[in-house]
Structure formats: C-alpha cells, structure tokens
Amino acid sequence: MPDPVETYLKAIVAHDWAALAETLTDDVMRTGPFFDVYQGRASYLEFISALMPTLPNYSMEVGRITYVDEGRRAYAELSETLDVEGKPHTTPEVLVFDLVDDRIARVDIFIKRKS
C-alpha cells in the first residue's frame, strides 16, 4: 500500500481530492495552526478543497517524514510557500499524523514562528 502521509501531501499539492479522501478515515479530525477544527472526512474535504485553489502560487517542499509508534504516528517536516501581497511567503511547519489501519485519523498542524 502506498505511504498514506506521502500520498496525502502530494494530493494536497495536486488538488487531487479523490486521492486525498482515500488517505483519510471517515472520522478524521484536522486541527489547524489557529485551532480551527474540522471533524469528519466530508467536512475536511469541503474545507481543504475550497481553500487550496485560492492560495496564489502555492507550493510545498517536504523535508522528511518520520514514522514512530510502530507506524501509528508520523511527523512531516515541510514548508509551504504562497504569495502574500504579491511576494512569496514561506512558512516552516510540522504536521503530526495519527494513523489507523494505514489511513489518517488525525492531522495536527504546527507552524514555526519567529519570536
């Protein structure tokens, strides 16, 4: 079976919502960096499929994906870039994934910020 986290990240960039849906459990929960929560596959897909096409010049660079807890949790270190006021803005992040039966049950997004 393909790596669910790698497939998830590629599907986000490609706007491949069918492939993304295949990586998620029915009751997936996504908590964003601003404590926004989406519960359930349909709710999350509705949110992400509406958001991603609005991000100008969006790109993602994945540094590494690390699996722990016998494959039940993964950490993806990445950066996302998009234009803000006409200039590229890059945000380093870590996404934490909980996996059940090779599907993503939870996604928590953490943004690295300057203090």
PDB file of N, CA and C in Angstrom:
ATOM      1  N   MET A   1       0.846  -1.184   0.000  1.00  0.00           N
ATOM      2  CA  MET A   1       0.000   0.000   0.000  1.00  0.00           C
ATOM      3  C   MET A   1       0.890   1.247   0.000  1.00  0.00           C
ATOM      4  N   PRO A   2       0.540   2.262  -0.770  1.00  0.00           N
ATOM      5  CA  PRO A   2       1.330   3.496  -0.794  1.00  0.00           C
ATOM      6  C   PRO A   2       1.350   4.173   0.584  1.00  0.00           C
ATOM      7  N   ASP A   3       2.395   4.922   0.822  1.00  0.00           N
ATOM      8  CA  ASP A   3       2.545   5.662   2.076  1.00  0.00           C
ATOM      9  C   ASP A   3       1.400   6.664   2.203  1.00  0.00           C
ATOM     10  N   PRO A   4       0.548   6.549   3.232  1.00  0.00           N
ATOM     11  CA  PRO A   4      -0.616   7.439   3.330  1.00  0.00           C
ATOM     12  C   PRO A   4      -0.245   8.903   3.528  1.00  0.00           C
ATOM     13  N   VAL A   5       0.816   9.177   4.270  1.00  0.00           N
ATOM     14  CA  VAL A   5       1.201  10.571   4.514  1.00  0.00           C
ATOM     15  C   VAL A   5       1.779  11.185   3.244  1.00  0.00           C
ATOM     16  N   GLU A   6       2.638  10.460   2.568  1.00  0.00           N
ATOM     17  CA  GLU A   6       3.198  10.963   1.309  1.00  0.00           C
ATOM     18  C   GLU A   6       2.082  11.186   0.281  1.00  0.00           C
ATOM     19  N   THR A   7       1.160  10.251   0.197  1.00  0.00           N
ATOM     20  CA  THR A   7       0.030  10.384  -0.724  1.00  0.00           C
ATOM     21  C   THR A   7      -0.821  11.596  -0.357  1.00  0.00           C
ATOM     22  N   TYR A   8      -1.087  11.783   0.926  1.00  0.00           N
ATOM     23  CA  TYR A   8      -1.850  12.932   1.428  1.00  0.00           C
ATOM     24  C   TYR A   8      -1.200  14.240   0.993  1.00  0.00           C
ATOM     25  N   LEU A   9       0.103  14.373   1.228  1.00  0.00           N
ATOM     26  CA  LEU A   9       0.802  15.616   0.915  1.00  0.00           C
ATOM     27  C   LEU A   9       0.817  15.884  -0.591  1.00  0.00           C
ATOM     28  N   LYS A  10       1.053  14.850  -1.383  1.00  0.00           N
ATOM     29  CA  LYS A  10       1.035  15.014  -2.843  1.00  0.00           C
ATOM     30  C   LYS A  10      -0.365  15.390  -3.330  1.00  0.00           C
ATOM     31  N   ALA A  11      -1.388  14.801  -2.734  1.00  0.00           N
ATOM     32  CA  ALA A  11      -2.768  15.097  -3.132  1.00  0.00           C
ATOM     33  C   ALA A  11      -3.139  16.541  -2.804  1.00  0.00           C
ATOM     34  N   ILE A  12      -2.658  17.059  -1.690  1.00  0.00           N
ATOM     35  CA  ILE A  12      -2.914  18.463  -1.331  1.00  0.00           C
ATOM     36  C   ILE A  12      -2.363  19.372  -2.429  1.00  0.00           C
ATOM     37  N   VAL A  13      -1.109  19.156  -2.810  1.00  0.00           N
ATOM     38  CA  VAL A  13      -0.461  20.000  -3.813  1.00  0.00           C
ATOM     39  C   VAL A  13      -1.148  19.862  -5.173  1.00  0.00           C
ATOM     40  N   ALA A  14      -1.531  18.637  -5.528  1.00  0.00           N
ATOM     41  CA  ALA A  14      -2.133  18.375  -6.835  1.00  0.00           C
ATOM     42  C   ALA A  14      -3.624  18.698  -6.890  1.00  0.00           C
ATOM     43  N   HIS A  15      -4.199  19.031  -5.748  1.00  0.00           N
ATOM     44  CA  HIS A  15      -5.653  19.255  -5.655  1.00  0.00           C
ATOM     45  C   HIS A  15      -6.405  18.006  -6.107  1.00  0.00           C
ATOM     46  N   ASP A  16      -5.882  16.855  -5.731  1.00  0.00           N
ATOM     47  CA  ASP A  16      -6.487  15.576  -6.074  1.00  0.00           C
ATOM     48  C   ASP A  16      -7.326  15.122  -4.880  1.00  0.00           C
ATOM     49  N   TRP A  17      -8.548  15.592  -4.832  1.00  0.00           N
ATOM     50  CA  TRP A  17      -9.397  15.388  -3.656  1.00  0.00           C
ATOM     51  C   TRP A  17      -9.836  13.935  -3.512  1.00  0.00           C
ATOM     52  N   ALA A  18      -9.960  13.216  -4.605  1.00  0.00           N
ATOM     53  CA  ALA A  18     -10.303  11.795  -4.534  1.00  0.00           C
ATOM     54  C   ALA A  18      -9.158  11.010  -3.890  1.00  0.00           C
ATOM     55  N   ALA A  19      -7.917  11.294  -4.299  1.00  0.00           N
ATOM     56  CA  ALA A  19      -6.761  10.625  -3.696  1.00  0.00           C
ATOM     57  C   ALA A  19      -6.634  11.001  -2.226  1.00  0.00           C
ATOM     58  N   LEU A  20      -6.875  12.272  -1.916  1.00  0.00           N
ATOM     59  CA  LEU A  20      -6.818  12.713  -0.521  1.00  0.00           C
ATOM     60  C   LEU A  20      -7.841  11.960   0.313  1.00  0.00           C
ATOM     61  N   ALA A  21      -9.066  11.855  -0.190  1.00  0.00           N
ATOM     62  CA  ALA A  21     -10.135  11.172   0.539  1.00  0.00           C
ATOM     63  C   ALA A  21      -9.734   9.734   0.874  1.00  0.00           C
ATOM     64  N   GLU A  22      -9.021   9.080  -0.032  1.00  0.00           N
ATOM     65  CA  GLU A  22      -8.619   7.687   0.183  1.00  0.00           C
ATOM     66  C   GLU A  22      -7.638   7.535   1.344  1.00  0.00           C
ATOM     67  N   THR A  23      -6.936   8.602   1.706  1.00  0.00           N
ATOM     68  CA  THR A  23      -5.953   8.517   2.791  1.00  0.00           C
ATOM     69  C   THR A  23      -6.589   8.730   4.161  1.00  0.00           C
ATOM     70  N   LEU A  24      -7.841   9.161   4.210  1.00  0.00           N
ATOM     71  CA  LEU A  24      -8.481   9.596   5.457  1.00  0.00           C
ATOM     72  C   LEU A  24      -9.470   8.574   5.995  1.00  0.00           C
ATOM     73  N   THR A  25      -9.552   8.484   7.325  1.00  0.00           N
ATOM     74  CA  THR A  25     -10.632   7.716   7.945  1.00  0.00           C
ATOM     75  C   THR A  25     -11.923   8.522   7.845  1.00  0.00           C
ATOM     76  N   ASP A  26     -13.045   7.866   8.009  1.00  0.00           N
ATOM     77  CA  ASP A  26     -14.341   8.564   7.959  1.00  0.00           C
ATOM     78  C   ASP A  26     -14.437   9.665   9.008  1.00  0.00           C
ATOM     79  N   ASP A  27     -13.843   9.416  10.186  1.00  0.00           N
ATOM     80  CA  ASP A  27     -13.969  10.356  11.300  1.00  0.00           C
ATOM     81  C   ASP A  27     -12.698  11.180  11.535  1.00  0.00           C
ATOM     82  N   VAL A  28     -11.908  11.375  10.482  1.00  0.00           N
ATOM     83  CA  VAL A  28     -10.665  12.144  10.604  1.00  0.00           C
ATOM     84  C   VAL A  28     -10.926  13.480  11.301  1.00  0.00           C
ATOM     85  N   MET A  29      -9.945  13.917  12.096  1.00  0.00           N
ATOM     86  CA  MET A  29     -10.021  15.236  12.721  1.00  0.00           C
ATOM     87  C   MET A  29      -8.769  16.006  12.349  1.00  0.00           C
ATOM     88  N   ARG A  30      -8.965  17.223  11.864  1.00  0.00           N
ATOM     89  CA  ARG A  30      -7.860  18.090  11.487  1.00  0.00           C
ATOM     90  C   ARG A  30      -7.919  19.340  12.352  1.00  0.00           C
ATOM     91  N   THR A  31      -6.817  19.620  13.055  1.00  0.00           N
ATOM     92  CA  THR A  31      -6.699  20.835  13.849  1.00  0.00           C
ATOM     93  C   THR A  31      -5.604  21.683  13.226  1.00  0.00           C
ATOM     94  N   GLY A  32      -5.962  22.882  12.810  1.00  0.00           N
ATOM     95  CA  GLY A  32      -5.029  23.774  12.152  1.00  0.00           C
ATOM     96  C   GLY A  32      -4.214  24.594  13.129  1.00  0.00           C
ATOM     97  N   PRO A  33      -3.309  25.404  12.612  1.00  0.00           N
ATOM     98  CA  PRO A  33      -2.408  26.191  13.453  1.00  0.00           C
ATOM     99  C   PRO A  33      -3.114  27.306  14.222  1.00  0.00           C
ATOM    100  N   PHE A  34      -4.335  27.600  13.840  1.00  0.00           N
ATOM    101  CA  PHE A  34      -5.090  28.646  14.537  1.00  0.00           C
ATOM    102  C   PHE A  34      -6.247  28.035  15.323  1.00  0.00           C
ATOM    103  N   PHE A  35      -6.098  26.728  15.656  1.00  0.00           N
ATOM    104  CA  PHE A  35      -7.066  25.974  16.447  1.00  0.00           C
ATOM    105  C   PHE A  35      -8.397  25.794  15.726  1.00  0.00           C
ATOM    106  N   ASP A  36      -8.377  25.885  14.412  1.00  0.00           N
ATOM    107  CA  ASP A  36      -9.572  25.577  13.626  1.00  0.00           C
ATOM    108  C   ASP A  36      -9.657  24.060  13.494  1.00  0.00           C
ATOM    109  N   VAL A  37     -10.833  23.515  13.757  1.00  0.00           N
ATOM    110  CA  VAL A  37     -11.014  22.070  13.781  1.00  0.00           C
ATOM    111  C   VAL A  37     -12.050  21.670  12.741  1.00  0.00           C
ATOM    112  N   TYR A  38     -11.716  20.621  11.987  1.00  0.00           N
ATOM    113  CA  TYR A  38     -12.643  20.007  11.038  1.00  0.00           C
ATOM    114  C   TYR A  38     -12.744  18.544  11.397  1.00  0.00           C
ATOM    115  N   GLN A  39     -13.948  18.089  11.657  1.00  0.00           N
ATOM    116  CA  GLN A  39     -14.203  16.708  12.074  1.00  0.00           C
ATOM    117  C   GLN A  39     -14.972  15.982  10.981  1.00  0.00           C
ATOM    118  N   GLY A  40     -14.460  14.845  10.567  1.00  0.00           N
ATOM    119  CA  GLY A  40     -15.105  14.028   9.561  1.00  0.00           C
ATOM    120  C   GLY A  40     -14.540  14.291   8.180  1.00  0.00           C
ATOM    121  N   ARG A  41     -14.484  13.225   7.376  1.00  0.00           N
ATOM    122  CA  ARG A  41     -13.895  13.307   6.038  1.00  0.00           C
ATOM    123  C   ARG A  41     -14.594  14.352   5.171  1.00  0.00           C
ATOM    124  N   ALA A  42     -15.918  14.329   5.133  1.00  0.00           N
ATOM    125  CA  ALA A  42     -16.657  15.251   4.257  1.00  0.00           C
ATOM    126  C   ALA A  42     -16.404  16.705   4.644  1.00  0.00           C
ATOM    127  N   SER A  43     -16.421  17.000   5.930  1.00  0.00           N
ATOM    128  CA  SER A  43     -16.189  18.370   6.401  1.00  0.00           C
ATOM    129  C   SER A  43     -14.783  18.841   6.047  1.00  0.00           C
ATOM    130  N   TYR A  44     -13.800  17.981   6.278  1.00  0.00           N
ATOM    131  CA  TYR A  44     -12.421  18.352   5.980  1.00  0.00           C
ATOM    132  C   TYR A  44     -12.210  18.539   4.484  1.00  0.00           C
ATOM    133  N   LEU A  45     -12.740  17.617   3.678  1.00  0.00           N
ATOM    134  CA  LEU A  45     -12.585  17.747   2.224  1.00  0.00           C
ATOM    135  C   LEU A  45     -13.266  19.002   1.698  1.00  0.00           C
ATOM    136  N   GLU A  46     -14.415  19.336   2.237  1.00  0.00           N
ATOM    137  CA  GLU A  46     -15.094  20.570   1.829  1.00  0.00           C
ATOM    138  C   GLU A  46     -14.220  21.787   2.122  1.00  0.00           C
ATOM    139  N   PHE A  47     -13.627  21.820   3.312  1.00  0.00           N
ATOM    140  CA  PHE A  47     -12.754  22.926   3.708  1.00  0.00           C
ATOM    141  C   PHE A  47     -11.516  23.009   2.818  1.00  0.00           C
ATOM    142  N   ILE A  48     -10.771  21.905   2.727  1.00  0.00           N
ATOM    143  CA  ILE A  48      -9.470  21.949   2.046  1.00  0.00           C
ATOM    144  C   ILE A  48      -9.627  22.147   0.544  1.00  0.00           C
ATOM    145  N   SER A  49     -10.668  21.584  -0.054  1.00  0.00           N
ATOM    146  CA  SER A  49     -10.863  21.740  -1.495  1.00  0.00           C
ATOM    147  C   SER A  49     -11.326  23.144  -1.859  1.00  0.00           C
ATOM    148  N   ALA A  50     -11.923  23.853  -0.919  1.00  0.00           N
ATOM    149  CA  ALA A  50     -12.288  25.253  -1.153  1.00  0.00           C
ATOM    150  C   ALA A  50     -11.092  26.178  -0.909  1.00  0.00           C
ATOM    151  N   LEU A  51     -10.270  25.851   0.073  1.00  0.00           N
ATOM    152  CA  LEU A  51      -9.136  26.705   0.442  1.00  0.00           C
ATOM    153  C   LEU A  51      -7.986  26.658  -0.563  1.00  0.00           C
ATOM    154  N   MET A  52      -7.522  25.468  -0.888  1.00  0.00           N
ATOM    155  CA  MET A  52      -6.270  25.339  -1.645  1.00  0.00           C
ATOM    156  C   MET A  52      -6.268  26.081  -2.984  1.00  0.00           C
ATOM    157  N   PRO A  53      -7.329  26.042  -3.771  1.00  0.00           N
ATOM    158  CA  PRO A  53      -7.292  26.768  -5.055  1.00  0.00           C
ATOM    159  C   PRO A  53      -7.212  28.295  -4.902  1.00  0.00           C
ATOM    160  N   THR A  54      -7.452  28.811  -3.710  1.00  0.00           N
ATOM    161  CA  THR A  54      -7.400  30.262  -3.503  1.00  0.00           C
ATOM    162  C   THR A  54      -6.009  30.762  -3.125  1.00  0.00           C
ATOM    163  N   LEU A  55      -5.064  29.856  -2.891  1.00  0.00           N
ATOM    164  CA  LEU A  55      -3.722  30.243  -2.434  1.00  0.00           C
ATOM    165  C   LEU A  55      -2.826  30.516  -3.644  1.00  0.00           C
ATOM    166  N   PRO A  56      -2.469  31.785  -3.866  1.00  0.00           N
ATOM    167  CA  PRO A  56      -1.706  32.142  -5.072  1.00  0.00           C
ATOM    168  C   PRO A  56      -0.283  31.579  -5.058  1.00  0.00           C
ATOM    169  N   ASN A  57       0.075  30.931  -6.160  1.00  0.00           N
ATOM    170  CA  ASN A  57       1.425  30.376  -6.356  1.00  0.00           C
ATOM    171  C   ASN A  57       1.841  29.439  -5.225  1.00  0.00           C
ATOM    172  N   TYR A  58       0.920  28.618  -4.773  1.00  0.00           N
ATOM    173  CA  TYR A  58       1.172  27.691  -3.675  1.00  0.00           C
ATOM    174  C   TYR A  58       2.159  26.604  -4.094  1.00  0.00           C
ATOM    175  N   SER A  59       3.062  26.282  -3.178  1.00  0.00           N
ATOM    176  CA  SER A  59       3.944  25.123  -3.344  1.00  0.00           C
ATOM    177  C   SER A  59       4.282  24.563  -1.968  1.00  0.00           C
ATOM    178  N   MET A  60       4.725  23.320  -1.972  1.00  0.00           N
ATOM    179  CA  MET A  60       5.108  22.653  -0.726  1.00  0.00           C
ATOM    180  C   MET A  60       6.426  21.932  -0.955  1.00  0.00           C
ATOM    181  N   GLU A  61       7.307  22.040   0.010  1.00  0.00           N
ATOM    182  CA  GLU A  61       8.561  21.292  -0.016  1.00  0.00           C
ATOM    183  C   GLU A  61       8.619  20.435   1.234  1.00  0.00           C
ATOM    184  N   VAL A  62       8.648  19.128   1.053  1.00  0.00           N
ATOM    185  CA  VAL A  62       8.690  18.199   2.179  1.00  0.00           C
ATOM    186  C   VAL A  62      10.143  17.893   2.499  1.00  0.00           C
ATOM    187  N   GLY A  63      10.530  18.158   3.749  1.00  0.00           N
ATOM    188  CA  GLY A  63      11.885  17.855   4.194  1.00  0.00           C
ATOM    189  C   GLY A  63      12.042  16.383   4.524  1.00  0.00           C
ATOM    190  N   ARG A  64      11.171  15.889   5.395  1.00  0.00           N
ATOM    191  CA  ARG A  64      11.214  14.466   5.746  1.00  0.00           C
ATOM    192  C   ARG A  64       9.918  14.056   6.429  1.00  0.00           C
ATOM    193  N   ILE A  65       9.653  12.779   6.341  1.00  0.00           N
ATOM    194  CA  ILE A  65       8.521  12.160   7.024  1.00  0.00           C
ATOM    195  C   ILE A  65       9.102  11.089   7.926  1.00  0.00           C
ATOM    196  N   THR A  66       8.760  11.142   9.202  1.00  0.00           N
ATOM    197  CA  THR A  66       9.276  10.205  10.184  1.00  0.00           C
ATOM    198  C   THR A  66       8.113   9.465  10.827  1.00  0.00           C
ATOM    199  N   TYR A  67       8.173   8.140  10.791  1.00  0.00           N
ATOM    200  CA  TYR A  67       7.145   7.306  11.431  1.00  0.00           C
ATOM    201  C   TYR A  67       7.656   6.822  12.777  1.00  0.00           C
ATOM    202  N   VAL A  68       6.774   6.832  13.778  1.00  0.00           N
ATOM    203  CA  VAL A  68       7.088   6.324  15.115  1.00  0.00           C
ATOM    204  C   VAL A  68       5.905   5.483  15.598  1.00  0.00           C
ATOM    205  N   ASP A  69       6.041   4.940  16.798  1.00  0.00           N
ATOM    206  CA  ASP A  69       4.972   4.136  17.406  1.00  0.00           C
ATOM    207  C   ASP A  69       4.492   3.029  16.472  1.00  0.00           C
ATOM    208  N   GLU A  70       5.456   2.298  15.899  1.00  0.00           N
ATOM    209  CA  GLU A  70       5.157   1.181  15.013  1.00  0.00           C
ATOM    210  C   GLU A  70       4.249   1.587  13.855  1.00  0.00           C
ATOM    211  N   GLY A  71       4.484   2.800  13.339  1.00  0.00           N
ATOM    212  CA  GLY A  71       3.745   3.280  12.184  1.00  0.00           C
ATOM    213  C   GLY A  71       2.392   3.903  12.497  1.00  0.00           C
ATOM    214  N   ARG A  72       2.088   4.072  13.777  1.00  0.00           N
ATOM    215  CA  ARG A  72       0.796   4.664  14.150  1.00  0.00           C
ATOM    216  C   ARG A  72       0.826   6.188  14.210  1.00  0.00           C
ATOM    217  N   ARG A  73       2.010   6.768  14.136  1.00  0.00           N
ATOM    218  CA  ARG A  73       2.140   8.230  14.146  1.00  0.00           C
ATOM    219  C   ARG A  73       3.248   8.605  13.175  1.00  0.00           C
ATOM    220  N   ALA A  74       3.044   9.755  12.503  1.00  0.00           N
ATOM    221  CA  ALA A  74       4.060  10.263  11.578  1.00  0.00           C
ATOM    222  C   ALA A  74       4.197  11.762  11.755  1.00  0.00           C
ATOM    223  N   TYR A  75       5.422  12.228  11.540  1.00  0.00           N
ATOM    224  CA  TYR A  75       5.728  13.654  11.577  1.00  0.00           C
ATOM    225  C   TYR A  75       6.245  14.048  10.199  1.00  0.00           C
ATOM    226  N   ALA A  76       5.643  15.061   9.621  1.00  0.00           N
ATOM    227  CA  ALA A  76       6.109  15.558   8.324  1.00  0.00           C
ATOM    228  C   ALA A  76       6.638  16.970   8.520  1.00  0.00           C
ATOM    229  N   GLU A  77       7.926  17.139   8.256  1.00  0.00           N
ATOM    230  CA  GLU A  77       8.545  18.459   8.305  1.00  0.00           C
ATOM    231  C   GLU A  77       8.511  19.016   6.892  1.00  0.00           C
ATOM    232  N   LEU A  78       7.942  20.190   6.750  1.00  0.00           N
ATOM    233  CA  LEU A  78       7.764  20.749   5.416  1.00  0.00           C
ATOM    234  C   LEU A  78       7.709  22.268   5.479  1.00  0.00           C
ATOM    235  N   SER A  79       7.711  22.871   4.318  1.00  0.00           N
ATOM    236  CA  SER A  79       7.465  24.309   4.221  1.00  0.00           C
ATOM    237  C   SER A  79       6.453  24.534   3.110  1.00  0.00           C
ATOM    238  N   GLU A  80       5.575  25.478   3.343  1.00  0.00           N
ATOM    239  CA  GLU A  80       4.585  25.872   2.350  1.00  0.00           C
ATOM    240  C   GLU A  80       4.886  27.302   1.937  1.00  0.00           C
ATOM    241  N   THR A  81       4.804  27.553   0.641  1.00  0.00           N
ATOM    242  CA  THR A  81       5.058  28.891   0.111  1.00  0.00           C
ATOM    243  C   THR A  81       3.854  29.326  -0.699  1.00  0.00           C
ATOM    244  N   LEU A  82       3.472  30.575  -0.520  1.00  0.00           N
ATOM    245  CA  LEU A  82       2.419  31.193  -1.317  1.00  0.00           C
ATOM    246  C   LEU A  82       2.675  32.684  -1.351  1.00  0.00           C
ATOM    247  N   ASP A  83       2.072  33.332  -2.319  1.00  0.00           N
ATOM    248  CA  ASP A  83       2.247  34.777  -2.437  1.00  0.00           C
ATOM    249  C   ASP A  83       1.353  35.503  -1.438  1.00  0.00           C
ATOM    250  N   VAL A  84       1.957  36.453  -0.731  1.00  0.00           N
ATOM    251  CA  VAL A  84       1.238  37.352   0.173  1.00  0.00           C
ATOM    252  C   VAL A  84       1.573  38.759  -0.278  1.00  0.00           C
ATOM    253  N   GLU A  85       0.561  39.491  -0.664  1.00  0.00           N
ATOM    254  CA  GLU A  85       0.730  40.852  -1.194  1.00  0.00           C
ATOM    255  C   GLU A  85       1.736  40.857  -2.352  1.00  0.00           C
ATOM    256  N   GLY A  86       1.655  39.824  -3.198  1.00  0.00           N
ATOM    257  CA  GLY A  86       2.476  39.758  -4.400  1.00  0.00           C
ATOM    258  C   GLY A  86       3.884  39.236  -4.210  1.00  0.00           C
ATOM    259  N   LYS A  87       4.261  38.856  -2.982  1.00  0.00           N
ATOM    260  CA  LYS A  87       5.607  38.357  -2.722  1.00  0.00           C
ATOM    261  C   LYS A  87       5.536  36.969  -2.092  1.00  0.00           C
ATOM    262  N   PRO A  88       6.492  36.097  -2.434  1.00  0.00           N
ATOM    263  CA  PRO A  88       6.487  34.757  -1.845  1.00  0.00           C
ATOM    264  C   PRO A  88       6.695  34.809  -0.329  1.00  0.00           C
ATOM    265  N   HIS A  89       5.898  34.036   0.377  1.00  0.00           N
ATOM    266  CA  HIS A  89       5.995  33.931   1.833  1.00  0.00           C
ATOM    267  C   HIS A  89       6.072  32.440   2.171  1.00  0.00           C
ATOM    268  N   THR A  90       7.136  32.043   2.877  1.00  0.00           N
ATOM    269  CA  THR A  90       7.350  30.640   3.212  1.00  0.00           C
ATOM    270  C   THR A  90       7.137  30.421   4.703  1.00  0.00           C
ATOM    271  N   THR A  91       6.394  29.362   5.008  1.00  0.00           N
ATOM    272  CA  THR A  91       6.103  29.020   6.395  1.00  0.00           C
ATOM    273  C   THR A  91       6.609  27.611   6.681  1.00  0.00           C
ATOM    274  N   PRO A  92       7.596  27.474   7.601  1.00  0.00           N
ATOM    275  CA  PRO A  92       8.034  26.141   8.003  1.00  0.00           C
ATOM    276  C   PRO A  92       7.013  25.542   8.980  1.00  0.00           C
ATOM    277  N   GLU A  93       6.735  24.257   8.793  1.00  0.00           N
ATOM    278  CA  GLU A  93       5.698  23.604   9.588  1.00  0.00           C
ATOM    279  C   GLU A  93       6.075  22.169   9.925  1.00  0.00           C
ATOM    280  N   VAL A  94       5.372  21.649  10.910  1.00  0.00           N
ATOM    281  CA  VAL A  94       5.379  20.214  11.188  1.00  0.00           C
ATOM    282  C   VAL A  94       3.927  19.786  11.260  1.00  0.00           C
ATOM    283  N   LEU A  95       3.601  18.728  10.538  1.00  0.00           N
ATOM    284  CA  LEU A  95       2.279  18.123  10.604  1.00  0.00           C
ATOM    285  C   LEU A  95       2.431  16.802  11.340  1.00  0.00           C
ATOM    286  N   VAL A  96       1.557  16.572  12.301  1.00  0.00           N
ATOM    287  CA  VAL A  96       1.560  15.335  13.069  1.00  0.00           C
ATOM    288  C   VAL A  96       0.336  14.528  12.644  1.00  0.00           C
ATOM    289  N   PHE A  97       0.574  13.287  12.243  1.00  0.00           N
ATOM    290  CA  PHE A  97      -0.490  12.419  11.758  1.00  0.00           C
ATOM    291  C   PHE A  97      -0.648  11.227  12.690  1.00  0.00           C
ATOM    292  N   ASP A  98      -1.877  10.921  13.075  1.00  0.00           N
ATOM    293  CA  ASP A  98      -2.196   9.663  13.742  1.00  0.00           C
ATOM    294  C   ASP A  98      -2.818   8.764  12.689  1.00  0.00           C
ATOM    295  N   LEU A  99      -2.361   7.520  12.648  1.00  0.00           N
ATOM    296  CA  LEU A  99      -2.820   6.583  11.616  1.00  0.00           C
ATOM    297  C   LEU A  99      -3.502   5.370  12.239  1.00  0.00           C
ATOM    298  N   VAL A 100      -4.565   4.944  11.571  1.00  0.00           N
ATOM    299  CA  VAL A 100      -5.294   3.745  11.954  1.00  0.00           C
ATOM    300  C   VAL A 100      -5.503   2.938  10.678  1.00  0.00           C
ATOM    301  N   ASP A 101      -5.019   1.709  10.676  1.00  0.00           N
ATOM    302  CA  ASP A 101      -5.165   0.832   9.506  1.00  0.00           C
ATOM    303  C   ASP A 101      -4.701   1.510   8.216  1.00  0.00           C
ATOM    304  N   ASP A 102      -3.531   2.143   8.273  1.00  0.00           N
ATOM    305  CA  ASP A 102      -2.918   2.809   7.117  1.00  0.00           C
ATOM    306  C   ASP A 102      -3.750   3.952   6.549  1.00  0.00           C
ATOM    307  N   ARG A 103      -4.574   4.556   7.383  1.00  0.00           N
ATOM    308  CA  ARG A 103      -5.313   5.759   6.993  1.00  0.00           C
ATOM    309  C   ARG A 103      -5.099   6.821   8.067  1.00  0.00           C
ATOM    310  N   ILE A 104      -5.247   8.051   7.657  1.00  0.00           N
ATOM    311  CA  ILE A 104      -5.021   9.177   8.560  1.00  0.00           C
ATOM    312  C   ILE A 104      -6.290   9.442   9.370  1.00  0.00           C
ATOM    313  N   ALA A 105      -6.145   9.347  10.693  1.00  0.00           N
ATOM    314  CA  ALA A 105      -7.270   9.571  11.603  1.00  0.00           C
ATOM    315  C   ALA A 105      -7.227  10.962  12.223  1.00  0.00           C
ATOM    316  N   ARG A 106      -6.034  11.548  12.241  1.00  0.00           N
ATOM    317  CA  ARG A 106      -5.896  12.872  12.849  1.00  0.00           C
ATOM    318  C   ARG A 106      -4.723  13.587  12.204  1.00  0.00           C
ATOM    319  N   VAL A 107      -4.898  14.897  11.986  1.00  0.00           N
ATOM    320  CA  VAL A 107      -3.827  15.760  11.480  1.00  0.00           C
ATOM    321  C   VAL A 107      -3.781  16.986  12.382  1.00  0.00           C
ATOM    322  N   ASP A 108      -2.622  17.265  12.947  1.00  0.00           N
ATOM    323  CA  ASP A 108      -2.395  18.481  13.729  1.00  0.00           C
ATOM    324  C   ASP A 108      -1.283  19.263  13.049  1.00  0.00           C
ATOM    325  N   ILE A 109      -1.531  20.554  12.822  1.00  0.00           N
ATOM    326  CA  ILE A 109      -0.585  21.394  12.085  1.00  0.00           C
ATOM    327  C   ILE A 109       0.047  22.409  13.033  1.00  0.00           C
ATOM    328  N   PHE A 110       1.384  22.447  13.021  1.00  0.00           N
ATOM    329  CA  PHE A 110       2.140  23.372  13.858  1.00  0.00           C
ATOM    330  C   PHE A 110       3.039  24.223  12.964  1.00  0.00           C
ATOM    331  N   ILE A 111       2.976  25.529  13.151  1.00  0.00           N
ATOM    332  CA  ILE A 111       3.770  26.483  12.359  1.00  0.00           C
ATOM    333  C   ILE A 111       4.915  27.004  13.214  1.00  0.00           C
ATOM    334  N   LYS A 112       6.101  27.036  12.629  1.00  0.00           N
ATOM    335  CA  LYS A 112       7.254  27.631  13.295  1.00  0.00           C
ATOM    336  C   LYS A 112       7.194  29.134  13.086  1.00  0.00           C
ATOM    337  N   ARG A 113       7.326  29.889  14.167  1.00  0.00           N
ATOM    338  CA  ARG A 113       7.229  31.341  14.092  1.00  0.00           C
ATOM    339  C   ARG A 113       8.447  32.008  14.716  1.00  0.00           C
ATOM    340  N   LYS A 114       8.754  33.175  14.207  1.00  0.00           N
ATOM    341  CA  LYS A 114       9.809  33.981  14.826  1.00  0.00           C
ATOM    342  C   LYS A 114       9.247  34.559  16.123  1.00  0.00           C
ATOM    343  N   SER A 115      10.107  34.622  17.136  1.00  0.00           N
ATOM    344  CA  SER A 115       9.633  35.183  18.411  1.00  0.00           C
ATOM    345  C   SER A 115       9.922  36.662  18.504  1.00  0.00           C
TER     346      SER A 115
END
